[in-house]
PDB file of N, CA and C in Angstrom:
ATOM      1  N   MET A   1       0.838  -1.185   0.000  1.00  0.00           N
ATOM      2  CA  MET A   1       0.000   0.000   0.000  1.00  0.00           C
ATOM      3  C   MET A   1       0.883   1.249   0.000  1.00  0.00           C
ATOM      4  N   LEU A   2       0.557   2.162  -0.862  1.00  0.00           N
ATOM      5  CA  LEU A   2       1.332   3.389  -0.989  1.00  0.00           C
ATOM      6  C   LEU A   2       0.845   4.453  -0.005  1.00  0.00           C
ATOM      7  N   THR A   3       1.787   5.187   0.562  1.00  0.00           N
ATOM      8  CA  THR A   3       1.420   6.320   1.403  1.00  0.00           C
ATOM      9  C   THR A   3       1.110   7.508   0.491  1.00  0.00           C
ATOM     10  N   SER A   4       0.550   8.555   1.063  1.00  0.00           N
ATOM     11  CA  SER A   4       0.214   9.724   0.244  1.00  0.00           C
ATOM     12  C   SER A   4       1.476  10.405  -0.284  1.00  0.00           C
ATOM     13  N   LYS A   5       2.563  10.387   0.476  1.00  0.00           N
ATOM     14  CA  LYS A   5       3.817  10.978   0.001  1.00  0.00           C
ATOM     15  C   LYS A   5       4.409  10.159  -1.144  1.00  0.00           C
ATOM     16  N   GLN A   6       4.354   8.844  -1.024  1.00  0.00           N
ATOM     17  CA  GLN A   6       4.843   7.984  -2.102  1.00  0.00           C
ATOM     18  C   GLN A   6       4.005   8.172  -3.361  1.00  0.00           C
ATOM     19  N   ARG A   7       2.691   8.241  -3.171  1.00  0.00           N
ATOM     20  CA  ARG A   7       1.785   8.444  -4.302  1.00  0.00           C
ATOM     21  C   ARG A   7       2.071   9.778  -5.003  1.00  0.00           C
ATOM     22  N   ALA A   8       2.318  10.823  -4.215  1.00  0.00           N
ATOM     23  CA  ALA A   8       2.628  12.140  -4.777  1.00  0.00           C
ATOM     24  C   ALA A   8       3.940  12.097  -5.562  1.00  0.00           C
ATOM     25  N   LEU A   9       4.934  11.401  -5.035  1.00  0.00           N
ATOM     26  CA  LEU A   9       6.215  11.262  -5.732  1.00  0.00           C
ATOM     27  C   LEU A   9       6.020  10.538  -7.063  1.00  0.00           C
ATOM     28  N   LEU A  10       5.261   9.450  -7.048  1.00  0.00           N
ATOM     29  CA  LEU A  10       5.019   8.673  -8.270  1.00  0.00           C
ATOM     30  C   LEU A  10       4.214   9.471  -9.300  1.00  0.00           C
ATOM     31  N   LYS A  11       3.256  10.267  -8.830  1.00  0.00           N
ATOM     32  CA  LYS A  11       2.483  11.118  -9.749  1.00  0.00           C
ATOM     33  C   LYS A  11       3.399  12.098 -10.463  1.00  0.00           C
ATOM     34  N   GLY A  12       4.337  12.677  -9.717  1.00  0.00           N
ATOM     35  CA  GLY A  12       5.285  13.618 -10.300  1.00  0.00           C
ATOM     36  C   GLY A  12       6.168  12.961 -11.344  1.00  0.00           C
ATOM     37  N   ILE A  13       6.634  11.760 -11.049  1.00  0.00           N
ATOM     38  CA  ILE A  13       7.473  11.024 -12.001  1.00  0.00           C
ATOM     39  C   ILE A  13       6.668  10.675 -13.247  1.00  0.00           C
ATOM     40  N   ALA A  14       5.439  10.206 -13.053  1.00  0.00           N
ATOM     41  CA  ALA A  14       4.598   9.759 -14.169  1.00  0.00           C
ATOM     42  C   ALA A  14       4.137  10.905 -15.059  1.00  0.00           C
ATOM     43  N   SER A  15       4.157  12.117 -14.561  1.00  0.00           N
ATOM     44  CA  SER A  15       3.657  13.249 -15.353  1.00  0.00           C
ATOM     45  C   SER A  15       4.453  13.447 -16.640  1.00  0.00           C
ATOM     46  N   SER A  16       5.702  13.047 -16.643  1.00  0.00           N
ATOM     47  CA  SER A  16       6.529  13.192 -17.851  1.00  0.00           C
ATOM     48  C   SER A  16       6.518  11.931 -18.717  1.00  0.00           C
ATOM     49  N   TYR A  17       5.866  10.878 -18.266  1.00  0.00           N
ATOM     50  CA  TYR A  17       5.825   9.613 -19.008  1.00  0.00           C
ATOM     51  C   TYR A  17       4.820   9.683 -20.159  1.00  0.00           C
ATOM     52  N   GLU A  18       5.122   8.952 -21.213  1.00  0.00           N
ATOM     53  CA  GLU A  18       4.197   8.794 -22.328  1.00  0.00           C
ATOM     54  C   GLU A  18       3.292   7.589 -22.063  1.00  0.00           C
ATOM     55  N   THR A  19       2.099   7.614 -22.642  1.00  0.00           N
ATOM     56  CA  THR A  19       1.184   6.479 -22.547  1.00  0.00           C
ATOM     57  C   THR A  19       1.740   5.337 -23.391  1.00  0.00           C
ATOM     58  N   ILE A  20       1.875   4.135 -22.782  1.00  0.00           N
ATOM     59  CA  ILE A  20       2.453   3.037 -23.549  1.00  0.00           C
ATOM     60  C   ILE A  20       1.441   1.950 -23.919  1.00  0.00           C
ATOM     61  N   PHE A  21       0.269   1.954 -23.272  1.00  0.00           N
ATOM     62  CA  PHE A  21      -0.778   0.982 -23.618  1.00  0.00           C
ATOM     63  C   PHE A  21      -2.125   1.686 -23.704  1.00  0.00           C
ATOM     64  N   GLN A  22      -3.015   1.110 -24.522  1.00  0.00           N
ATOM     65  CA  GLN A  22      -4.363   1.638 -24.658  1.00  0.00           C
ATOM     66  C   GLN A  22      -5.366   0.514 -24.482  1.00  0.00           C
ATOM     67  N   VAL A  23      -6.458   0.823 -23.787  1.00  0.00           N
ATOM     68  CA  VAL A  23      -7.568  -0.112 -23.632  1.00  0.00           C
ATOM     69  C   VAL A  23      -8.644   0.345 -24.604  1.00  0.00           C
ATOM     70  N   GLY A  24      -8.939  -0.488 -25.596  1.00  0.00           N
ATOM     71  CA  GLY A  24      -9.912  -0.129 -26.620  1.00  0.00           C
ATOM     72  C   GLY A  24     -11.166  -0.961 -26.526  1.00  0.00           C
ATOM     73  N   LYS A  25     -11.825  -1.156 -27.667  1.00  0.00           N
ATOM     74  CA  LYS A  25     -13.090  -1.892 -27.639  1.00  0.00           C
ATOM     75  C   LYS A  25     -12.889  -3.375 -27.353  1.00  0.00           C
ATOM     76  N   GLY A  26     -11.657  -3.853 -27.479  1.00  0.00           N
ATOM     77  CA  GLY A  26     -11.352  -5.241 -27.118  1.00  0.00           C
ATOM     78  C   GLY A  26     -11.354  -5.464 -25.621  1.00  0.00           C
ATOM     79  N   GLY A  27     -11.310  -4.383 -24.862  1.00  0.00           N
ATOM     80  CA  GLY A  27     -11.361  -4.487 -23.409  1.00  0.00           C
ATOM     81  C   GLY A  27     -10.039  -4.923 -22.804  1.00  0.00           C
ATOM     82  N   VAL A  28     -10.128  -5.523 -21.625  1.00  0.00           N
ATOM     83  CA  VAL A  28      -8.949  -5.978 -20.898  1.00  0.00           C
ATOM     84  C   VAL A  28      -8.743  -7.455 -21.224  1.00  0.00           C
ATOM     85  N   SER A  29      -7.903  -7.708 -22.216  1.00  0.00           N
ATOM     86  CA  SER A  29      -7.654  -9.082 -22.666  1.00  0.00           C
ATOM     87  C   SER A  29      -6.469  -9.694 -21.922  1.00  0.00           C
ATOM     88  N   GLU A  30      -6.321 -11.001 -22.031  1.00  0.00           N
ATOM     89  CA  GLU A  30      -5.183 -11.688 -21.412  1.00  0.00           C
ATOM     90  C   GLU A  30      -3.865 -11.206 -22.010  1.00  0.00           C
ATOM     91  N   ASN A  31      -3.874 -10.908 -23.310  1.00  0.00           N
ATOM     92  CA  ASN A  31      -2.681 -10.400 -23.977  1.00  0.00           C
ATOM     93  C   ASN A  31      -2.266  -9.050 -23.382  1.00  0.00           C
ATOM     94  N   LEU A  32      -3.231  -8.166 -23.166  1.00  0.00           N
ATOM     95  CA  LEU A  32      -2.946  -6.864 -22.574  1.00  0.00           C
ATOM     96  C   LEU A  32      -2.402  -7.026 -21.152  1.00  0.00           C
ATOM     97  N   ILE A  33      -3.005  -7.918 -20.376  1.00  0.00           N
ATOM     98  CA  ILE A  33      -2.558  -8.163 -19.003  1.00  0.00           C
ATOM     99  C   ILE A  33      -1.106  -8.638 -19.001  1.00  0.00           C
ATOM    100  N   GLN A  34      -0.762  -9.541 -19.914  1.00  0.00           N
ATOM    101  CA  GLN A  34       0.611 -10.056 -19.989  1.00  0.00           C
ATOM    102  C   GLN A  34       1.595  -8.954 -20.364  1.00  0.00           C
ATOM    103  N   GLN A  35       1.220  -8.120 -21.331  1.00  0.00           N
ATOM    104  CA  GLN A  35       2.098  -7.026 -21.750  1.00  0.00           C
ATOM    105  C   GLN A  35       2.285  -6.004 -20.631  1.00  0.00           C
ATOM    106  N   VAL A  36       1.207  -5.666 -19.937  1.00  0.00           N
ATOM    107  CA  VAL A  36       1.288  -4.717 -18.819  1.00  0.00           C
ATOM    108  C   VAL A  36       2.158  -5.298 -17.704  1.00  0.00           C
ATOM    109  N   SER A  37       1.982  -6.572 -17.414  1.00  0.00           N
ATOM    110  CA  SER A  37       2.772  -7.232 -16.378  1.00  0.00           C
ATOM    111  C   SER A  37       4.264  -7.197 -16.711  1.00  0.00           C
ATOM    112  N   ASP A  38       4.599  -7.474 -17.956  1.00  0.00           N
ATOM    113  CA  ASP A  38       5.996  -7.435 -18.400  1.00  0.00           C
ATOM    114  C   ASP A  38       6.562  -6.019 -18.288  1.00  0.00           C
ATOM    115  N   ALA A  39       5.777  -5.030 -18.705  1.00  0.00           N
ATOM    116  CA  ALA A  39       6.224  -3.635 -18.641  1.00  0.00           C
ATOM    117  C   ALA A  39       6.414  -3.187 -17.193  1.00  0.00           C
ATOM    118  N   LEU A  40       5.519  -3.598 -16.306  1.00  0.00           N
ATOM    119  CA  LEU A  40       5.644  -3.244 -14.891  1.00  0.00           C
ATOM    120  C   LEU A  40       6.891  -3.870 -14.275  1.00  0.00           C
ATOM    121  N   ARG A  41       7.214  -5.086 -14.673  1.00  0.00           N
ATOM    122  CA  ARG A  41       8.399  -5.753 -14.152  1.00  0.00           C
ATOM    123  C   ARG A  41       9.661  -4.976 -14.538  1.00  0.00           C
ATOM    124  N   LYS A  42       9.658  -4.437 -15.745  1.00  0.00           N
ATOM    125  CA  LYS A  42      10.835  -3.729 -16.248  1.00  0.00           C
ATOM    126  C   LYS A  42      10.885  -2.266 -15.787  1.00  0.00           C
ATOM    127  N   ARG A  43       9.739  -1.571 -15.822  1.00  0.00           N
ATOM    128  CA  ARG A  43       9.712  -0.125 -15.558  1.00  0.00           C
ATOM    129  C   ARG A  43       9.192   0.258 -14.185  1.00  0.00           C
ATOM    130  N   GLU A  44       8.372  -0.569 -13.590  1.00  0.00           N
ATOM    131  CA  GLU A  44       7.687  -0.350 -12.300  1.00  0.00           C
ATOM    132  C   GLU A  44       6.542   0.654 -12.372  1.00  0.00           C
ATOM    133  N   LEU A  45       6.628   1.667 -13.213  1.00  0.00           N
ATOM    134  CA  LEU A  45       5.606   2.711 -13.294  1.00  0.00           C
ATOM    135  C   LEU A  45       5.238   2.914 -14.758  1.00  0.00           C
ATOM    136  N   ILE A  46       3.946   2.732 -15.083  1.00  0.00           N
ATOM    137  CA  ILE A  46       3.515   2.898 -16.474  1.00  0.00           C
ATOM    138  C   ILE A  46       2.220   3.700 -16.535  1.00  0.00           C
ATOM    139  N   LYS A  47       2.011   4.324 -17.695  1.00  0.00           N
ATOM    140  CA  LYS A  47       0.804   5.117 -17.928  1.00  0.00           C
ATOM    141  C   LYS A  47       0.007   4.460 -19.044  1.00  0.00           C
ATOM    142  N   LEU A  48      -1.301   4.333 -18.833  1.00  0.00           N
ATOM    143  CA  LEU A  48      -2.197   3.724 -19.814  1.00  0.00           C
ATOM    144  C   LEU A  48      -3.341   4.680 -20.130  1.00  0.00           C
ATOM    145  N   ARG A  49      -4.026   4.402 -21.232  1.00  0.00           N
ATOM    146  CA  ARG A  49      -5.138   5.256 -21.662  1.00  0.00           C
ATOM    147  C   ARG A  49      -6.315   4.393 -22.097  1.00  0.00           C
ATOM    148  N   VAL A  50      -7.512   4.860 -21.791  1.00  0.00           N
ATOM    149  CA  VAL A  50      -8.732   4.184 -22.224  1.00  0.00           C
ATOM    150  C   VAL A  50      -9.308   4.976 -23.397  1.00  0.00           C
ATOM    151  N   LEU A  51      -9.491   4.302 -24.518  1.00  0.00           N
ATOM    152  CA  LEU A  51     -10.030   4.954 -25.708  1.00  0.00           C
ATOM    153  C   LEU A  51     -11.532   5.197 -25.569  1.00  0.00           C
ATOM    154  N   ASP A  52     -12.062   6.132 -26.369  1.00  0.00           N
ATOM    155  CA  ASP A  52     -13.490   6.470 -26.316  1.00  0.00           C
ATOM    156  C   ASP A  52     -14.388   5.293 -26.672  1.00  0.00           C
ATOM    157  N   ASN A  53     -13.911   4.387 -27.542  1.00  0.00           N
ATOM    158  CA  ASN A  53     -14.758   3.277 -27.973  1.00  0.00           C
ATOM    159  C   ASN A  53     -14.727   2.091 -27.009  1.00  0.00           C
ATOM    160  N   SER A  54     -14.047   2.231 -25.887  1.00  0.00           N
ATOM    161  CA  SER A  54     -13.976   1.153 -24.902  1.00  0.00           C
ATOM    162  C   SER A  54     -15.246   1.124 -24.056  1.00  0.00           C
ATOM    163  N   GLU A  55     -15.601  -0.065 -23.598  1.00  0.00           N
ATOM    164  CA  GLU A  55     -16.756  -0.215 -22.711  1.00  0.00           C
ATOM    165  C   GLU A  55     -16.387   0.102 -21.252  1.00  0.00           C
ATOM    166  N   TYR A  56     -15.106   0.294 -20.982  1.00  0.00           N
ATOM    167  CA  TYR A  56     -14.620   0.576 -19.633  1.00  0.00           C
ATOM    168  C   TYR A  56     -14.435   2.071 -19.413  1.00  0.00           C
ATOM    169  N   SER A  57     -14.647   2.505 -18.182  1.00  0.00           N
ATOM    170  CA  SER A  57     -14.204   3.839 -17.790  1.00  0.00           C
ATOM    171  C   SER A  57     -12.734   3.686 -17.381  1.00  0.00           C
ATOM    172  N   ALA A  58     -12.035   4.789 -17.230  1.00  0.00           N
ATOM    173  CA  ALA A  58     -10.627   4.713 -16.844  1.00  0.00           C
ATOM    174  C   ALA A  58     -10.485   4.061 -15.466  1.00  0.00           C
ATOM    175  N   ARG A  59     -11.376   4.386 -14.527  1.00  0.00           N
ATOM    176  CA  ARG A  59     -11.312   3.810 -13.178  1.00  0.00           C
ATOM    177  C   ARG A  59     -11.555   2.299 -13.214  1.00  0.00           C
ATOM    178  N   GLU A  60     -12.550   1.870 -13.995  1.00  0.00           N
ATOM    179  CA  GLU A  60     -12.844   0.430 -14.089  1.00  0.00           C
ATOM    180  C   GLU A  60     -11.666  -0.336 -14.687  1.00  0.00           C
ATOM    181  N   ALA A  61     -11.095   0.195 -15.760  1.00  0.00           N
ATOM    182  CA  ALA A  61      -9.959  -0.465 -16.406  1.00  0.00           C
ATOM    183  C   ALA A  61      -8.761  -0.496 -15.461  1.00  0.00           C
ATOM    184  N   ALA A  62      -8.501   0.619 -14.783  1.00  0.00           N
ATOM    185  CA  ALA A  62      -7.370   0.685 -13.848  1.00  0.00           C
ATOM    186  C   ALA A  62      -7.518  -0.339 -12.730  1.00  0.00           C
ATOM    187  N   ASP A  63      -8.706  -0.418 -12.146  1.00  0.00           N
ATOM    188  CA  ASP A  63      -8.938  -1.361 -11.051  1.00  0.00           C
ATOM    189  C   ASP A  63      -8.803  -2.806 -11.508  1.00  0.00           C
ATOM    190  N   GLU A  64      -9.349  -3.122 -12.683  1.00  0.00           N
ATOM    191  CA  GLU A  64      -9.289  -4.505 -13.174  1.00  0.00           C
ATOM    192  C   GLU A  64      -7.860  -4.911 -13.532  1.00  0.00           C
ATOM    193  N   ILE A  65      -7.145  -4.043 -14.234  1.00  0.00           N
ATOM    194  CA  ILE A  65      -5.766  -4.362 -14.617  1.00  0.00           C
ATOM    195  C   ILE A  65      -4.878  -4.442 -13.379  1.00  0.00           C
ATOM    196  N   ALA A  66      -5.085  -3.539 -12.430  1.00  0.00           N
ATOM    197  CA  ALA A  66      -4.288  -3.561 -11.200  1.00  0.00           C
ATOM    198  C   ALA A  66      -4.505  -4.861 -10.423  1.00  0.00           C
ATOM    199  N   SER A  67      -5.742  -5.313 -10.344  1.00  0.00           N
ATOM    200  CA  SER A  67      -6.006  -6.549  -9.599  1.00  0.00           C
ATOM    201  C   SER A  67      -5.425  -7.772 -10.306  1.00  0.00           C
ATOM    202  N   LYS A  68      -5.434  -7.769 -11.627  1.00  0.00           N
ATOM    203  CA  LYS A  68      -4.912  -8.925 -12.376  1.00  0.00           C
ATOM    204  C   LYS A  68      -3.387  -8.936 -12.467  1.00  0.00           C
ATOM    205  N   THR A  69      -2.746  -7.778 -12.230  1.00  0.00           N
ATOM    206  CA  THR A  69      -1.280  -7.717 -12.293  1.00  0.00           C
ATOM    207  C   THR A  69      -0.654  -7.518 -10.910  1.00  0.00           C
ATOM    208  N   ASP A  70      -1.465  -7.514  -9.867  1.00  0.00           N
ATOM    209  CA  ASP A  70      -1.005  -7.274  -8.493  1.00  0.00           C
ATOM    210  C   ASP A  70      -0.247  -5.955  -8.369  1.00  0.00           C
ATOM    211  N   SER A  71      -0.738  -4.936  -9.069  1.00  0.00           N
ATOM    212  CA  SER A  71      -0.111  -3.617  -9.006  1.00  0.00           C
ATOM    213  C   SER A  71      -1.044  -2.656  -8.274  1.00  0.00           C
ATOM    214  N   GLU A  72      -0.609  -1.411  -8.131  1.00  0.00           N
ATOM    215  CA  GLU A  72      -1.417  -0.401  -7.450  1.00  0.00           C
ATOM    216  C   GLU A  72      -1.744   0.739  -8.395  1.00  0.00           C
ATOM    217  N   VAL A  73      -2.969   1.233  -8.278  1.00  0.00           N
ATOM    218  CA  VAL A  73      -3.379   2.397  -9.067  1.00  0.00           C
ATOM    219  C   VAL A  73      -2.832   3.628  -8.364  1.00  0.00           C
ATOM    220  N   VAL A  74      -1.984   4.375  -9.059  1.00  0.00           N
ATOM    221  CA  VAL A  74      -1.403   5.590  -8.497  1.00  0.00           C
ATOM    222  C   VAL A  74      -2.351   6.755  -8.698  1.00  0.00           C
ATOM    223  N   GLN A  75      -2.937   6.844  -9.906  1.00  0.00           N
ATOM    224  CA  GLN A  75      -3.760   7.992 -10.233  1.00  0.00           C
ATOM    225  C   GLN A  75      -4.627   7.685 -11.448  1.00  0.00           C
ATOM    226  N   VAL A  76      -5.813   8.283 -11.465  1.00  0.00           N
ATOM    227  CA  VAL A  76      -6.710   8.226 -12.624  1.00  0.00           C
ATOM    228  C   VAL A  76      -7.131   9.658 -12.922  1.00  0.00           C
ATOM    229  N   ILE A  77      -6.815  10.119 -14.123  1.00  0.00           N
ATOM    230  CA  ILE A  77      -7.212  11.470 -14.544  1.00  0.00           C
ATOM    231  C   ILE A  77      -7.797  11.365 -15.939  1.00  0.00           C
ATOM    232  N   GLY A  78      -9.059  11.735 -16.073  1.00  0.00           N
ATOM    233  CA  GLY A  78      -9.718  11.680 -17.372  1.00  0.00           C
ATOM    234  C   GLY A  78      -9.708  10.273 -17.925  1.00  0.00           C
ATOM    235  N   SER A  79      -9.104  10.085 -19.091  1.00  0.00           N
ATOM    236  CA  SER A  79      -9.058   8.760 -19.717  1.00  0.00           C
ATOM    237  C   SER A  79      -7.728   8.065 -19.467  1.00  0.00           C
ATOM    238  N   LYS A  80      -6.854   8.666 -18.681  1.00  0.00           N
ATOM    239  CA  LYS A  80      -5.535   8.077 -18.426  1.00  0.00           C
ATOM    240  C   LYS A  80      -5.411   7.625 -16.982  1.00  0.00           C
ATOM    241  N   PHE A  81      -4.559   6.607 -16.781  1.00  0.00           N
ATOM    242  CA  PHE A  81      -4.278   6.156 -15.430  1.00  0.00           C
ATOM    243  C   PHE A  81      -2.853   5.635 -15.337  1.00  0.00           C
ATOM    244  N   VAL A  82      -2.349   5.612 -14.105  1.00  0.00           N
ATOM    245  CA  VAL A  82      -0.973   5.225 -13.849  1.00  0.00           C
ATOM    246  C   VAL A  82      -0.973   4.047 -12.880  1.00  0.00           C
ATOM    247  N   LEU A  83      -0.155   3.027 -13.198  1.00  0.00           N
ATOM    248  CA  LEU A  83      -0.016   1.853 -12.344  1.00  0.00           C
ATOM    249  C   LEU A  83       1.427   1.734 -11.858  1.00  0.00           C
ATOM    250  N   PHE A  84       1.588   1.189 -10.652  1.00  0.00           N
ATOM    251  CA  PHE A  84       2.910   0.977 -10.070  1.00  0.00           C
ATOM    252  C   PHE A  84       2.980  -0.417  -9.475  1.00  0.00           C
ATOM    253  N   LYS A  85       4.104  -1.081  -9.727  1.00  0.00           N
ATOM    254  CA  LYS A  85       4.372  -2.371  -9.084  1.00  0.00           C
ATOM    255  C   LYS A  85       5.872  -2.454  -8.837  1.00  0.00           C
ATOM    256  N   ARG A  86       6.245  -2.535  -7.586  1.00  0.00           N
ATOM    257  CA  ARG A  86       7.658  -2.587  -7.214  1.00  0.00           C
ATOM    258  C   ARG A  86       8.282  -3.905  -7.654  1.00  0.00           C
ATOM    259  N   ASN A  87       9.478  -3.813  -8.220  1.00  0.00           N
ATOM    260  CA  ASN A  87      10.251  -4.992  -8.590  1.00  0.00           C
ATOM    261  C   ASN A  87      11.158  -5.318  -7.404  1.00  0.00           C
ATOM    262  N   PRO A  88      10.887  -6.417  -6.682  1.00  0.00           N
ATOM    263  CA  PRO A  88      11.647  -6.704  -5.464  1.00  0.00           C
ATOM    264  C   PRO A  88      13.117  -7.051  -5.728  1.00  0.00           C
ATOM    265  N   LYS A  89      13.419  -7.618  -6.889  1.00  0.00           N
ATOM    266  CA  LYS A  89      14.793  -8.030  -7.189  1.00  0.00           C
ATOM    267  C   LYS A  89      15.654  -6.886  -7.696  1.00  0.00           C
ATOM    268  N   ASP A  90      15.081  -6.037  -8.540  1.00  0.00           N
ATOM    269  CA  ASP A  90      15.856  -4.977  -9.179  1.00  0.00           C
ATOM    270  C   ASP A  90      15.035  -3.686  -9.233  1.00  0.00           C
ATOM    271  N   PRO A  91      14.873  -2.983  -8.077  1.00  0.00           N
ATOM    272  CA  PRO A  91      14.034  -1.780  -8.062  1.00  0.00           C
ATOM    273  C   PRO A  91      14.599  -0.673  -8.965  1.00  0.00           C
ATOM    274  N   VAL A  92      13.702  -0.026  -9.691  1.00  0.00           N
ATOM    275  CA  VAL A  92      14.081   1.058 -10.587  1.00  0.00           C
ATOM    276  C   VAL A  92      13.821   2.405  -9.909  1.00  0.00           C
ATOM    277  N   ILE A  93      12.723   2.519  -9.190  1.00  0.00           N
ATOM    278  CA  ILE A  93      12.309   3.775  -8.571  1.00  0.00           C
ATOM    279  C   ILE A  93      12.437   3.640  -7.057  1.00  0.00           C
ATOM    280  N   ASP A  94      13.118   4.606  -6.436  1.00  0.00           N
ATOM    281  CA  ASP A  94      13.272   4.609  -4.986  1.00  0.00           C
ATOM    282  C   ASP A  94      12.122   5.394  -4.370  1.00  0.00           C
ATOM    283  N   ILE A  95      11.224   4.703  -3.661  1.00  0.00           N
ATOM    284  CA  ILE A  95      10.054   5.385  -3.072  1.00  0.00           C
ATOM    285  C   ILE A  95      10.090   5.339  -1.551  1.00  0.00           C
ATOM    286  N   LYS A  96      11.260   5.119  -0.964  1.00  0.00           N
ATOM    287  CA  LYS A  96      11.359   5.097   0.501  1.00  0.00           C
ATOM    288  C   LYS A  96      11.284   6.519   1.029  1.00  0.00           C
ATOM    289  N   LEU A  97      10.218   6.826   1.718  1.00  0.00           N
ATOM    290  CA  LEU A  97      10.041   8.160   2.310  1.00  0.00           C
ATOM    291  C   LEU A  97       9.808   8.047   3.791  1.00  0.00           C
TER     292      LEU A  97
END
């Protein structure tokens, strides 16, 4: 569980990140879950976007993907959301506050 200070730090870092995945009308597929999981293992912090033609809202997609990848939702703004999952073996982002 992230503290509010950790969440604020991650939001600041993610603000400069580009969106690397999109949730479209195909929804949250197993392929998307696998790709997000791989990206989280490598980067720890990723930004995703929900397209207008998706049946999901950004909050619904964020919650479902986070639960299936054991990650945490850092932030949801409009159609974009940010996920974080710490890599225990090789941490990329230092969030000790």
